[in-house]
Amino acid sequence: MARHHNRRRNPYAKPDALTQAARAAGYTARSVFKLEQIDQRVRLLRQGQRVLDLGAAPGSWSAYAAKRIGPAGQLVAIDLKPLKQVLPDTCQVIIGDAFDGALLETGPMGELAPYSVVLSDMAPNTTGDKATDQIRSHQLFMRALELATTLLEPGGSFVGKLFMGGDFGEARDALRARFTTARTIRPKAVRDVSYEIYLVGLSLKDQSVPAS
């Protein structure tokens, strides 16, 4: 008698409507709609801005941001992996570790600072253990937030991905301490099975003034 295996379906295996829509629009990943929805809600990106995209691969966020900031803007995209997305000539791509201090001192990532906006869609390599993945995501978010704080201009904005978990409150409080406005956004483009959210900081406070 044939055996029937009860396997959990992989929700990421089959391209969904947003995946197909992204490809039709010329983007390599459906994640572009997450940034688009965040942008629409908080008016994040504008013409002429300087943008840093941390963990940029495959490149859809960078492509969307480049379109929004236009030819007068500048964008630096950095990731450990090469980007699959073709970006305009106004963009510079760095293959490397965003937290490598040498890149800040000698490369375009530091040269173009301060930035108007820092984006981070970075996520850890998942282990399958939810608690472990949440902890690693929190650590990555906090590092991205610290880097953004040093590279943003006063009044600048930050978007960072976080796996929702017990450390959420600490991450939110850290964001509030640095930005005038802090928002928690779960774009509709996030898959139902995912526990990712985005923390958005608007209007970076003057970091030379001690927090009260």
N, C-alpha and C. Protein backbone atom coordinates (compact mmCIF):
# COMPACT_ATOMS: atom_id res chain seq x y z
N MET A 1 0.85 -1.20 0.00
CA MET A 1 0.00 0.00 0.00
C MET A 1 0.88 1.24 0.00
N ALA A 2 0.54 2.18 -0.83
CA ALA A 2 1.35 3.40 -0.93
C ALA A 2 1.20 4.22 0.34
N ARG A 3 2.30 4.82 0.73
CA ARG A 3 2.28 5.66 1.92
C ARG A 3 2.14 7.13 1.52
N HIS A 4 1.35 7.81 2.29
CA HIS A 4 1.15 9.24 2.02
C HIS A 4 1.87 10.03 3.10
N HIS A 5 2.80 10.84 2.71
CA HIS A 5 3.58 11.63 3.66
C HIS A 5 2.91 12.98 3.87
N ASN A 6 2.72 13.33 5.11
CA ASN A 6 2.10 14.61 5.46
C ASN A 6 3.18 15.68 5.56
N ARG A 7 3.48 16.27 4.44
CA ARG A 7 4.53 17.28 4.40
C ARG A 7 3.92 18.68 4.45
N ARG A 8 4.56 19.53 5.22
CA ARG A 8 4.12 20.92 5.27
C ARG A 8 4.49 21.61 3.96
N ARG A 9 3.53 22.29 3.40
CA ARG A 9 3.79 23.00 2.15
C ARG A 9 4.65 24.22 2.41
N ASN A 10 5.61 24.41 1.54
CA ASN A 10 6.49 25.57 1.65
C ASN A 10 5.79 26.77 1.01
N PRO A 11 5.41 27.77 1.80
CA PRO A 11 4.67 28.91 1.23
C PRO A 11 5.52 29.78 0.32
N TYR A 12 6.83 29.58 0.35
CA TYR A 12 7.73 30.39 -0.47
C TYR A 12 8.07 29.71 -1.80
N ALA A 13 7.66 28.44 -1.96
CA ALA A 13 8.09 27.67 -3.12
C ALA A 13 7.44 28.14 -4.42
N LYS A 14 6.15 28.44 -4.37
CA LYS A 14 5.42 28.82 -5.57
C LYS A 14 5.27 30.34 -5.63
N PRO A 15 5.64 30.95 -6.76
CA PRO A 15 5.48 32.41 -6.88
C PRO A 15 4.02 32.82 -6.67
N ASP A 16 3.81 33.79 -5.79
CA ASP A 16 2.46 34.27 -5.56
C ASP A 16 2.19 35.49 -6.44
N ALA A 17 1.04 36.11 -6.24
CA ALA A 17 0.65 37.23 -7.09
C ALA A 17 1.62 38.40 -6.99
N LEU A 18 2.13 38.66 -5.78
CA LEU A 18 3.07 39.78 -5.61
C LEU A 18 4.41 39.47 -6.26
N THR A 19 4.84 38.21 -6.20
CA THR A 19 6.08 37.83 -6.87
C THR A 19 5.96 38.07 -8.37
N GLN A 20 4.84 37.67 -8.93
CA GLN A 20 4.61 37.86 -10.35
C GLN A 20 4.49 39.34 -10.71
N ALA A 21 3.85 40.11 -9.83
CA ALA A 21 3.71 41.54 -10.07
C ALA A 21 5.06 42.24 -10.03
N ALA A 22 5.92 41.82 -9.10
CA ALA A 22 7.26 42.40 -9.00
C ALA A 22 8.05 42.14 -10.27
N ARG A 23 8.00 40.92 -10.74
CA ARG A 23 8.73 40.57 -11.97
C ARG A 23 8.20 41.36 -13.16
N ALA A 24 6.88 41.51 -13.22
CA ALA A 24 6.28 42.26 -14.33
C ALA A 24 6.71 43.72 -14.31
N ALA A 25 6.98 44.24 -13.11
CA ALA A 25 7.40 45.64 -12.97
C ALA A 25 8.91 45.80 -13.09
N GLY A 26 9.63 44.69 -13.29
CA GLY A 26 11.07 44.77 -13.47
C GLY A 26 11.89 44.62 -12.21
N TYR A 27 11.28 44.13 -11.14
CA TYR A 27 11.99 43.93 -9.88
C TYR A 27 12.27 42.44 -9.66
N THR A 28 13.37 42.16 -8.98
CA THR A 28 13.78 40.77 -8.79
C THR A 28 13.08 40.10 -7.61
N ALA A 29 12.45 40.86 -6.73
CA ALA A 29 11.85 40.26 -5.54
C ALA A 29 10.58 41.00 -5.13
N ARG A 30 9.65 40.25 -4.56
CA ARG A 30 8.38 40.81 -4.10
C ARG A 30 8.55 41.74 -2.91
N SER A 31 9.71 41.69 -2.26
CA SER A 31 9.96 42.55 -1.10
C SER A 31 9.91 44.03 -1.45
N VAL A 32 9.99 44.35 -2.74
CA VAL A 32 9.90 45.74 -3.16
C VAL A 32 8.59 46.37 -2.69
N PHE A 33 7.53 45.57 -2.62
CA PHE A 33 6.24 46.11 -2.22
C PHE A 33 6.19 46.42 -0.72
N LYS A 34 7.04 45.78 0.06
CA LYS A 34 7.12 46.12 1.49
C LYS A 34 7.64 47.55 1.64
N LEU A 35 8.72 47.85 0.92
CA LEU A 35 9.28 49.20 1.00
C LEU A 35 8.32 50.21 0.41
N GLU A 36 7.68 49.87 -0.69
CA GLU A 36 6.72 50.78 -1.30
C GLU A 36 5.60 51.13 -0.33
N GLN A 37 5.09 50.14 0.38
CA GLN A 37 4.00 50.37 1.33
C GLN A 37 4.46 51.19 2.53
N ILE A 38 5.69 50.95 2.99
CA ILE A 38 6.24 51.78 4.07
C ILE A 38 6.40 53.22 3.59
N ASP A 39 6.93 53.37 2.40
CA ASP A 39 7.15 54.69 1.82
C ASP A 39 5.83 55.45 1.69
N GLN A 40 4.81 54.78 1.26
CA GLN A 40 3.51 55.42 1.09
C GLN A 40 2.91 55.85 2.43
N ARG A 41 3.20 55.11 3.47
CA ARG A 41 2.62 55.42 4.78
C ARG A 41 3.33 56.56 5.49
N VAL A 42 4.65 56.67 5.33
CA VAL A 42 5.39 57.69 6.10
C VAL A 42 6.10 58.71 5.22
N ARG A 43 5.91 58.62 3.90
CA ARG A 43 6.55 59.57 2.97
C ARG A 43 8.06 59.60 3.22
N LEU A 44 8.66 58.45 3.05
CA LEU A 44 10.06 58.24 3.41
C LEU A 44 11.03 58.80 2.39
N LEU A 45 10.77 58.54 1.12
CA LEU A 45 11.74 58.84 0.06
C LEU A 45 11.29 60.01 -0.80
N ARG A 46 12.28 60.87 -1.14
CA ARG A 46 11.99 62.05 -1.95
C ARG A 46 13.13 62.31 -2.93
N GLN A 47 12.85 63.12 -3.92
CA GLN A 47 13.84 63.46 -4.94
C GLN A 47 15.09 64.09 -4.30
N GLY A 48 16.25 63.68 -4.79
CA GLY A 48 17.51 64.30 -4.40
C GLY A 48 18.13 63.79 -3.11
N GLN A 49 17.52 62.80 -2.48
CA GLN A 49 18.07 62.30 -1.21
C GLN A 49 19.30 61.42 -1.44
N ARG A 50 20.07 61.26 -0.37
CA ARG A 50 21.17 60.28 -0.33
C ARG A 50 20.69 59.11 0.51
N VAL A 51 20.77 57.91 -0.05
CA VAL A 51 20.22 56.72 0.61
C VAL A 51 21.28 55.64 0.72
N LEU A 52 21.32 54.99 1.88
CA LEU A 52 22.18 53.83 2.11
C LEU A 52 21.29 52.62 2.33
N ASP A 53 21.51 51.57 1.54
CA ASP A 53 20.72 50.34 1.64
C ASP A 53 21.60 49.22 2.17
N LEU A 54 21.37 48.83 3.42
CA LEU A 54 22.15 47.78 4.08
C LEU A 54 21.51 46.42 3.81
N GLY A 55 22.33 45.44 3.43
CA GLY A 55 21.77 44.13 3.11
C GLY A 55 20.90 44.22 1.88
N ALA A 56 21.45 44.81 0.82
CA ALA A 56 20.64 45.21 -0.33
C ALA A 56 20.22 44.08 -1.26
N ALA A 57 20.93 42.97 -1.29
CA ALA A 57 20.61 41.89 -2.22
C ALA A 57 19.20 41.34 -1.96
N PRO A 58 18.47 40.99 -3.00
CA PRO A 58 18.87 40.95 -4.41
C PRO A 58 18.84 42.29 -5.13
N GLY A 59 18.30 43.34 -4.49
CA GLY A 59 18.41 44.67 -5.07
C GLY A 59 17.11 45.40 -5.34
N SER A 60 15.99 44.79 -5.03
CA SER A 60 14.70 45.43 -5.34
C SER A 60 14.48 46.71 -4.53
N TRP A 61 14.88 46.68 -3.25
CA TRP A 61 14.75 47.89 -2.43
C TRP A 61 15.59 49.02 -3.02
N SER A 62 16.80 48.71 -3.42
CA SER A 62 17.68 49.73 -3.99
C SER A 62 17.09 50.30 -5.27
N ALA A 63 16.54 49.43 -6.11
CA ALA A 63 15.96 49.88 -7.37
C ALA A 63 14.77 50.80 -7.13
N TYR A 64 13.93 50.43 -6.18
CA TYR A 64 12.76 51.26 -5.86
C TYR A 64 13.22 52.60 -5.30
N ALA A 65 14.16 52.57 -4.36
CA ALA A 65 14.64 53.81 -3.75
C ALA A 65 15.30 54.71 -4.79
N ALA A 66 16.08 54.11 -5.69
CA ALA A 66 16.75 54.89 -6.73
C ALA A 66 15.72 55.60 -7.62
N LYS A 67 14.64 54.92 -7.90
CA LYS A 67 13.58 55.52 -8.72
C LYS A 67 12.94 56.69 -7.99
N ARG A 68 12.75 56.55 -6.69
CA ARG A 68 12.09 57.59 -5.90
C ARG A 68 12.98 58.82 -5.70
N ILE A 69 14.28 58.62 -5.55
CA ILE A 69 15.16 59.77 -5.31
C ILE A 69 15.61 60.43 -6.61
N GLY A 70 15.42 59.73 -7.72
CA GLY A 70 15.67 60.33 -9.02
C GLY A 70 17.14 60.52 -9.35
N PRO A 71 17.42 61.09 -10.52
CA PRO A 71 18.81 61.27 -10.97
C PRO A 71 19.61 62.26 -10.12
N ALA A 72 18.92 63.12 -9.38
CA ALA A 72 19.63 64.06 -8.52
C ALA A 72 20.03 63.42 -7.20
N GLY A 73 19.49 62.25 -6.89
CA GLY A 73 19.83 61.56 -5.65
C GLY A 73 21.02 60.64 -5.82
N GLN A 74 21.48 60.10 -4.70
CA GLN A 74 22.59 59.16 -4.71
C GLN A 74 22.26 58.00 -3.78
N LEU A 75 22.68 56.80 -4.18
CA LEU A 75 22.40 55.61 -3.38
C LEU A 75 23.61 54.70 -3.33
N VAL A 76 23.87 54.18 -2.14
CA VAL A 76 24.90 53.16 -1.95
C VAL A 76 24.21 51.90 -1.46
N ALA A 77 24.43 50.80 -2.16
CA ALA A 77 23.87 49.50 -1.79
C ALA A 77 25.01 48.58 -1.38
N ILE A 78 24.87 47.93 -0.23
CA ILE A 78 25.93 47.04 0.25
C ILE A 78 25.34 45.71 0.71
N ASP A 79 26.03 44.64 0.34
CA ASP A 79 25.61 43.30 0.75
C ASP A 79 26.80 42.36 0.59
N LEU A 80 26.76 41.27 1.33
CA LEU A 80 27.80 40.25 1.20
C LEU A 80 27.69 39.53 -0.14
N LYS A 81 26.48 39.55 -0.73
CA LYS A 81 26.24 38.86 -1.99
C LYS A 81 26.07 39.88 -3.12
N PRO A 82 26.40 39.48 -4.35
CA PRO A 82 26.15 40.37 -5.49
C PRO A 82 24.66 40.62 -5.68
N LEU A 83 24.33 41.78 -6.21
CA LEU A 83 22.94 42.11 -6.49
C LEU A 83 22.52 41.52 -7.83
N LYS A 84 21.30 41.02 -7.91
CA LYS A 84 20.75 40.52 -9.16
C LYS A 84 20.06 41.63 -9.95
N GLN A 85 19.67 42.67 -9.25
CA GLN A 85 18.94 43.78 -9.85
C GLN A 85 19.90 44.75 -10.53
N VAL A 86 19.55 45.19 -11.72
CA VAL A 86 20.33 46.22 -12.40
C VAL A 86 19.90 47.58 -11.85
N LEU A 87 20.89 48.38 -11.42
CA LEU A 87 20.60 49.68 -10.82
C LEU A 87 21.08 50.80 -11.73
N PRO A 88 20.51 51.99 -11.58
CA PRO A 88 20.95 53.14 -12.38
C PRO A 88 22.40 53.52 -12.08
N ASP A 89 22.97 54.33 -12.95
CA ASP A 89 24.37 54.76 -12.78
C ASP A 89 24.56 55.63 -11.55
N THR A 90 23.50 56.18 -11.02
CA THR A 90 23.61 57.02 -9.83
C THR A 90 23.83 56.19 -8.56
N CYS A 91 23.77 54.87 -8.69
CA CYS A 91 23.94 53.98 -7.54
C CYS A 91 25.34 53.37 -7.52
N GLN A 92 25.85 53.17 -6.33
CA GLN A 92 27.13 52.48 -6.15
C GLN A 92 26.88 51.22 -5.34
N VAL A 93 27.42 50.10 -5.81
CA VAL A 93 27.22 48.81 -5.17
C VAL A 93 28.53 48.35 -4.53
N ILE A 94 28.44 47.96 -3.27
CA ILE A 94 29.60 47.44 -2.55
C ILE A 94 29.32 46.00 -2.16
N ILE A 95 30.23 45.10 -2.51
CA ILE A 95 30.14 43.71 -2.07
C ILE A 95 31.02 43.60 -0.84
N GLY A 96 30.40 43.50 0.32
CA GLY A 96 31.18 43.47 1.55
C GLY A 96 30.28 43.51 2.77
N ASP A 97 30.93 43.58 3.92
CA ASP A 97 30.24 43.59 5.21
C ASP A 97 29.94 45.03 5.61
N ALA A 98 28.68 45.34 5.80
CA ALA A 98 28.28 46.71 6.15
C ALA A 98 28.88 47.16 7.47
N PHE A 99 29.26 46.22 8.31
CA PHE A 99 29.80 46.57 9.62
C PHE A 99 31.33 46.57 9.64
N ASP A 100 31.94 46.47 8.48
CA ASP A 100 33.40 46.54 8.37
C ASP A 100 33.82 48.01 8.43
N GLY A 101 34.48 48.38 9.50
CA GLY A 101 34.86 49.77 9.70
C GLY A 101 35.74 50.32 8.60
N ALA A 102 36.52 49.45 7.95
CA ALA A 102 37.41 49.90 6.88
C ALA A 102 36.63 50.45 5.70
N LEU A 103 35.45 49.91 5.46
CA LEU A 103 34.63 50.40 4.35
C LEU A 103 34.12 51.80 4.61
N LEU A 104 33.92 52.12 5.87
CA LEU A 104 33.50 53.48 6.21
C LEU A 104 34.61 54.48 5.98
N GLU A 105 35.84 54.04 6.20
CA GLU A 105 36.98 54.95 6.12
C GLU A 105 37.47 55.16 4.70
N THR A 106 37.34 54.13 3.85
CA THR A 106 37.98 54.21 2.54
C THR A 106 37.02 54.13 1.36
N GLY A 107 35.77 53.74 1.58
CA GLY A 107 34.86 53.53 0.46
C GLY A 107 33.75 54.54 0.37
N PRO A 108 32.90 54.38 -0.65
CA PRO A 108 31.79 55.32 -0.87
C PRO A 108 30.76 55.33 0.25
N MET A 109 30.68 54.25 1.02
CA MET A 109 29.69 54.23 2.10
C MET A 109 29.95 55.36 3.09
N GLY A 110 31.21 55.60 3.40
CA GLY A 110 31.56 56.68 4.29
C GLY A 110 31.64 58.02 3.59
N GLU A 111 32.08 58.00 2.34
CA GLU A 111 32.28 59.25 1.60
C GLU A 111 30.98 60.00 1.34
N LEU A 112 29.89 59.26 1.14
CA LEU A 112 28.61 59.91 0.83
C LEU A 112 27.83 60.33 2.07
N ALA A 113 28.29 59.91 3.24
CA ALA A 113 27.61 60.31 4.48
C ALA A 113 27.75 61.81 4.69
N PRO A 114 26.78 62.45 5.34
CA PRO A 114 25.61 61.85 5.98
C PRO A 114 24.48 61.57 4.98
N TYR A 115 23.67 60.57 5.32
CA TYR A 115 22.58 60.14 4.47
C TYR A 115 21.24 60.72 4.94
N SER A 116 20.34 60.81 3.98
CA SER A 116 18.98 61.23 4.30
C SER A 116 18.18 60.06 4.87
N VAL A 117 18.44 58.87 4.32
CA VAL A 117 17.71 57.66 4.70
C VAL A 117 18.66 56.48 4.74
N VAL A 118 18.54 55.65 5.77
CA VAL A 118 19.24 54.36 5.82
C VAL A 118 18.19 53.26 5.89
N LEU A 119 18.31 52.31 4.97
CA LEU A 119 17.39 51.17 4.90
C LEU A 119 18.11 49.90 5.32
N SER A 120 17.43 49.05 6.05
CA SER A 120 18.00 47.75 6.41
C SER A 120 16.92 46.67 6.34
N ASP A 121 17.02 45.86 5.29
CA ASP A 121 16.15 44.69 5.18
C ASP A 121 16.94 43.44 5.55
N MET A 122 18.01 43.64 6.31
CA MET A 122 18.89 42.53 6.67
C MET A 122 18.17 41.54 7.59
N ALA A 123 18.48 40.27 7.38
CA ALA A 123 17.95 39.20 8.23
C ALA A 123 19.04 38.17 8.43
N PRO A 124 19.07 37.52 9.58
CA PRO A 124 20.08 36.49 9.82
C PRO A 124 19.78 35.23 9.01
N ASN A 125 20.80 34.40 8.84
CA ASN A 125 20.55 33.07 8.28
C ASN A 125 19.70 32.30 9.29
N THR A 126 18.53 31.88 8.87
CA THR A 126 17.61 31.25 9.81
C THR A 126 18.01 29.82 10.12
N THR A 127 17.70 29.40 11.34
CA THR A 127 18.07 28.07 11.82
C THR A 127 16.89 27.12 11.88
N GLY A 128 15.68 27.67 11.80
CA GLY A 128 14.49 26.85 11.99
C GLY A 128 13.98 26.90 13.41
N ASP A 129 14.82 27.42 14.31
CA ASP A 129 14.41 27.60 15.70
C ASP A 129 13.97 29.05 15.87
N LYS A 130 12.69 29.25 16.14
CA LYS A 130 12.13 30.60 16.15
C LYS A 130 12.80 31.50 17.17
N ALA A 131 13.05 30.99 18.37
CA ALA A 131 13.65 31.81 19.42
C ALA A 131 15.06 32.25 19.04
N THR A 132 15.84 31.33 18.49
CA THR A 132 17.20 31.65 18.07
C THR A 132 17.19 32.68 16.95
N ASP A 133 16.31 32.49 15.99
CA ASP A 133 16.23 33.42 14.86
C ASP A 133 15.81 34.82 15.32
N GLN A 134 14.91 34.89 16.29
CA GLN A 134 14.48 36.18 16.81
C GLN A 134 15.63 36.90 17.51
N ILE A 135 16.41 36.18 18.29
CA ILE A 135 17.55 36.78 18.99
C ILE A 135 18.56 37.32 17.99
N ARG A 136 18.86 36.53 16.97
CA ARG A 136 19.83 36.97 15.96
C ARG A 136 19.31 38.16 15.16
N SER A 137 18.02 38.16 14.89
CA SER A 137 17.43 39.29 14.18
C SER A 137 17.52 40.55 15.02
N HIS A 138 17.26 40.42 16.30
CA HIS A 138 17.35 41.56 17.21
C HIS A 138 18.77 42.12 17.23
N GLN A 139 19.75 41.25 17.32
CA GLN A 139 21.14 41.69 17.35
C GLN A 139 21.51 42.42 16.06
N LEU A 140 21.05 41.89 14.93
CA LEU A 140 21.33 42.50 13.65
C LEU A 140 20.65 43.86 13.53
N PHE A 141 19.41 43.94 13.99
CA PHE A 141 18.69 45.21 13.96
C PHE A 141 19.41 46.26 14.78
N MET A 142 19.85 45.90 15.98
CA MET A 142 20.51 46.87 16.85
C MET A 142 21.82 47.37 16.24
N ARG A 143 22.55 46.48 15.58
CA ARG A 143 23.79 46.91 14.91
C ARG A 143 23.48 47.85 13.75
N ALA A 144 22.44 47.54 13.00
CA ALA A 144 22.05 48.41 11.89
C ALA A 144 21.59 49.77 12.40
N LEU A 145 20.87 49.78 13.51
CA LEU A 145 20.41 51.03 14.10
C LEU A 145 21.59 51.89 14.56
N GLU A 146 22.56 51.27 15.19
CA GLU A 146 23.74 52.01 15.65
C GLU A 146 24.50 52.60 14.46
N LEU A 147 24.65 51.80 13.41
CA LEU A 147 25.35 52.29 12.22
C LEU A 147 24.58 53.45 11.59
N ALA A 148 23.27 53.29 11.49
CA ALA A 148 22.45 54.35 10.91
C ALA A 148 22.56 55.64 11.71
N THR A 149 22.61 55.52 13.02
CA THR A 149 22.71 56.71 13.88
C THR A 149 23.97 57.50 13.58
N THR A 150 25.05 56.80 13.27
CA THR A 150 26.32 57.49 12.99
C THR A 150 26.38 58.06 11.57
N LEU A 151 25.58 57.50 10.65
CA LEU A 151 25.70 57.90 9.25
C LEU A 151 24.58 58.81 8.76
N LEU A 152 23.52 58.95 9.53
CA LEU A 152 22.40 59.79 9.10
C LEU A 152 22.65 61.26 9.41
N GLU A 153 22.08 62.11 8.59
CA GLU A 153 22.09 63.54 8.87
C GLU A 153 21.02 63.84 9.91
N PRO A 154 21.14 64.94 10.64
CA PRO A 154 20.06 65.32 11.57
C PRO A 154 18.74 65.42 10.83
N GLY A 155 17.70 64.80 11.38
CA GLY A 155 16.42 64.78 10.70
C GLY A 155 16.24 63.62 9.75
N GLY A 156 17.28 62.78 9.62
CA GLY A 156 17.22 61.65 8.71
C GLY A 156 16.33 60.53 9.23
N SER A 157 16.11 59.52 8.36
CA SER A 157 15.17 58.44 8.68
C SER A 157 15.82 57.07 8.54
N PHE A 158 15.28 56.10 9.28
CA PHE A 158 15.81 54.74 9.29
C PHE A 158 14.66 53.74 9.22
N VAL A 159 14.86 52.69 8.43
CA VAL A 159 13.92 51.57 8.37
C VAL A 159 14.71 50.29 8.63
N GLY A 160 14.28 49.49 9.60
CA GLY A 160 14.98 48.25 9.92
C GLY A 160 14.02 47.10 10.12
N LYS A 161 14.40 45.94 9.58
CA LYS A 161 13.57 44.74 9.75
C LYS A 161 13.90 44.04 11.05
N LEU A 162 12.86 43.46 11.66
CA LEU A 162 13.02 42.74 12.92
C LEU A 162 12.05 41.57 12.95
N PHE A 163 12.53 40.41 13.41
CA PHE A 163 11.63 39.29 13.67
C PHE A 163 10.98 39.53 15.02
N MET A 164 9.67 39.58 15.04
CA MET A 164 8.94 39.90 16.26
C MET A 164 9.21 38.86 17.34
N GLY A 165 9.60 39.33 18.54
CA GLY A 165 9.88 38.43 19.64
C GLY A 165 9.98 39.18 20.95
N GLY A 166 10.55 38.53 21.93
CA GLY A 166 10.61 39.10 23.27
C GLY A 166 11.47 40.34 23.38
N ASP A 167 12.39 40.54 22.42
CA ASP A 167 13.27 41.70 22.47
C ASP A 167 12.69 42.91 21.74
N PHE A 168 11.45 42.81 21.29
CA PHE A 168 10.86 43.90 20.53
C PHE A 168 10.86 45.21 21.31
N GLY A 169 10.50 45.16 22.58
CA GLY A 169 10.42 46.37 23.39
C GLY A 169 11.74 47.10 23.48
N GLU A 170 12.82 46.35 23.61
CA GLU A 170 14.15 46.97 23.68
C GLU A 170 14.49 47.66 22.37
N ALA A 171 14.19 47.00 21.25
CA ALA A 171 14.46 47.59 19.95
C ALA A 171 13.62 48.85 19.73
N ARG A 172 12.36 48.79 20.09
CA ARG A 172 11.48 49.96 19.93
C ARG A 172 11.94 51.13 20.79
N ASP A 173 12.35 50.84 22.03
CA ASP A 173 12.80 51.91 22.92
C ASP A 173 14.10 52.54 22.41
N ALA A 174 14.98 51.72 21.85
CA ALA A 174 16.22 52.24 21.29
C ALA A 174 15.94 53.16 20.12
N LEU A 175 14.94 52.81 19.32
CA LEU A 175 14.55 53.65 18.20
C LEU A 175 13.96 54.97 18.69
N ARG A 176 13.10 54.89 19.69
CA ARG A 176 12.47 56.09 20.23
C ARG A 176 13.48 57.05 20.84
N ALA A 177 14.55 56.50 21.40
CA ALA A 177 15.56 57.35 22.01
C ALA A 177 16.34 58.16 20.98
N ARG A 178 16.33 57.69 19.74
CA ARG A 178 17.15 58.32 18.70
C ARG A 178 16.35 59.16 17.71
N PHE A 179 15.06 58.87 17.59
CA PHE A 179 14.25 59.55 16.57
C PHE A 179 13.04 60.24 17.21
N THR A 180 12.65 61.34 16.59
CA THR A 180 11.49 62.08 17.09
C THR A 180 10.21 61.26 16.98
N THR A 181 10.11 60.50 15.89
CA THR A 181 8.94 59.66 15.66
C THR A 181 9.38 58.23 15.41
N ALA A 182 8.75 57.28 16.08
CA ALA A 182 9.05 55.86 15.89
C ALA A 182 7.76 55.14 15.53
N ARG A 183 7.81 54.37 14.44
CA ARG A 183 6.62 53.65 13.98
C ARG A 183 6.94 52.16 13.86
N THR A 184 5.96 51.34 14.15
CA THR A 184 6.05 49.90 13.91
C THR A 184 5.09 49.57 12.78
N ILE A 185 5.62 49.03 11.69
CA ILE A 185 4.81 48.79 10.50
C ILE A 185 4.98 47.34 10.03
N ARG A 186 3.87 46.70 9.79
CA ARG A 186 3.88 45.39 9.15
C ARG A 186 3.18 45.56 7.80
N PRO A 187 3.96 45.71 6.73
CA PRO A 187 3.36 45.93 5.42
C PRO A 187 2.45 44.77 5.02
N LYS A 188 1.44 45.06 4.24
CA LYS A 188 0.54 44.01 3.77
C LYS A 188 1.27 43.00 2.89
N ALA A 189 2.40 43.41 2.31
CA ALA A 189 3.16 42.51 1.44
C ALA A 189 3.91 41.43 2.21
N VAL A 190 4.01 41.56 3.54
CA VAL A 190 4.65 40.51 4.35
C VAL A 190 3.75 39.28 4.31
N ARG A 191 4.35 38.13 4.10
CA ARG A 191 3.57 36.89 4.04
C ARG A 191 2.92 36.60 5.38
N ASP A 192 1.77 35.96 5.34
CA ASP A 192 1.02 35.64 6.56
C ASP A 192 1.82 34.77 7.52
N VAL A 193 2.67 33.89 6.98
CA VAL A 193 3.42 32.96 7.83
C VAL A 193 4.65 33.61 8.45
N SER A 194 4.98 34.82 8.01
CA SER A 194 6.19 35.49 8.50
C SER A 194 5.90 36.27 9.78
N TYR A 195 6.91 36.36 10.65
CA TYR A 195 6.77 37.16 11.86
C TYR A 195 7.69 38.38 11.82
N GLU A 196 7.98 38.86 10.61
CA GLU A 196 8.80 40.05 10.47
C GLU A 196 7.96 41.31 10.54
N ILE A 197 8.56 42.34 11.11
CA ILE A 197 7.97 43.67 11.16
C ILE A 197 9.06 44.66 10.80
N TYR A 198 8.68 45.91 10.63
CA TYR A 198 9.66 46.96 10.34
C TYR A 198 9.50 48.08 11.35
N LEU A 199 10.62 48.48 11.92
CA LEU A 199 10.65 49.63 12.81
C LEU A 199 11.17 50.81 12.02
N VAL A 200 10.43 51.90 12.06
CA VAL A 200 10.75 53.08 11.25
C VAL A 200 10.99 54.27 12.17
N GLY A 201 12.16 54.86 12.05
CA GLY A 201 12.49 56.06 12.80
C GLY A 201 12.52 57.26 11.88
N LEU A 202 11.78 58.30 12.23
CA LEU A 202 11.70 59.51 11.42
C LEU A 202 12.27 60.69 12.20
N SER A 203 13.08 61.48 11.54
CA SER A 203 13.67 62.69 12.11
C SER A 203 14.65 62.36 13.24
N LEU A 204 15.87 62.00 12.84
CA LEU A 204 16.92 61.70 13.81
C LEU A 204 17.17 62.90 14.71
N LYS A 205 17.23 62.64 16.00
CA LYS A 205 17.50 63.69 16.97
C LYS A 205 18.97 64.10 16.93
N ASP A 206 19.26 65.28 17.43
CA ASP A 206 20.63 65.75 17.54
C ASP A 206 21.36 64.86 18.54
N GLN A 207 22.32 64.08 18.05
CA GLN A 207 23.01 63.11 18.91
C GLN A 207 24.02 63.76 19.85
N SER A 208 24.28 65.05 19.67
CA SER A 208 25.21 65.75 20.56
C SER A 208 24.52 66.20 21.84
N VAL A 209 23.18 66.11 21.85
CA VAL A 209 22.41 66.51 23.01
C VAL A 209 22.08 65.27 23.83
N PRO A 210 22.50 65.19 25.09
CA PRO A 210 22.21 64.01 25.91
C PRO A 210 20.71 63.79 26.04
N ALA A 211 20.31 62.51 26.00
CA ALA A 211 18.89 62.19 26.16
C ALA A 211 18.43 62.54 27.56
N SER A 212 17.22 63.10 27.65
CA SER A 212 16.70 63.50 28.95
C SER A 212 16.12 62.30 29.69
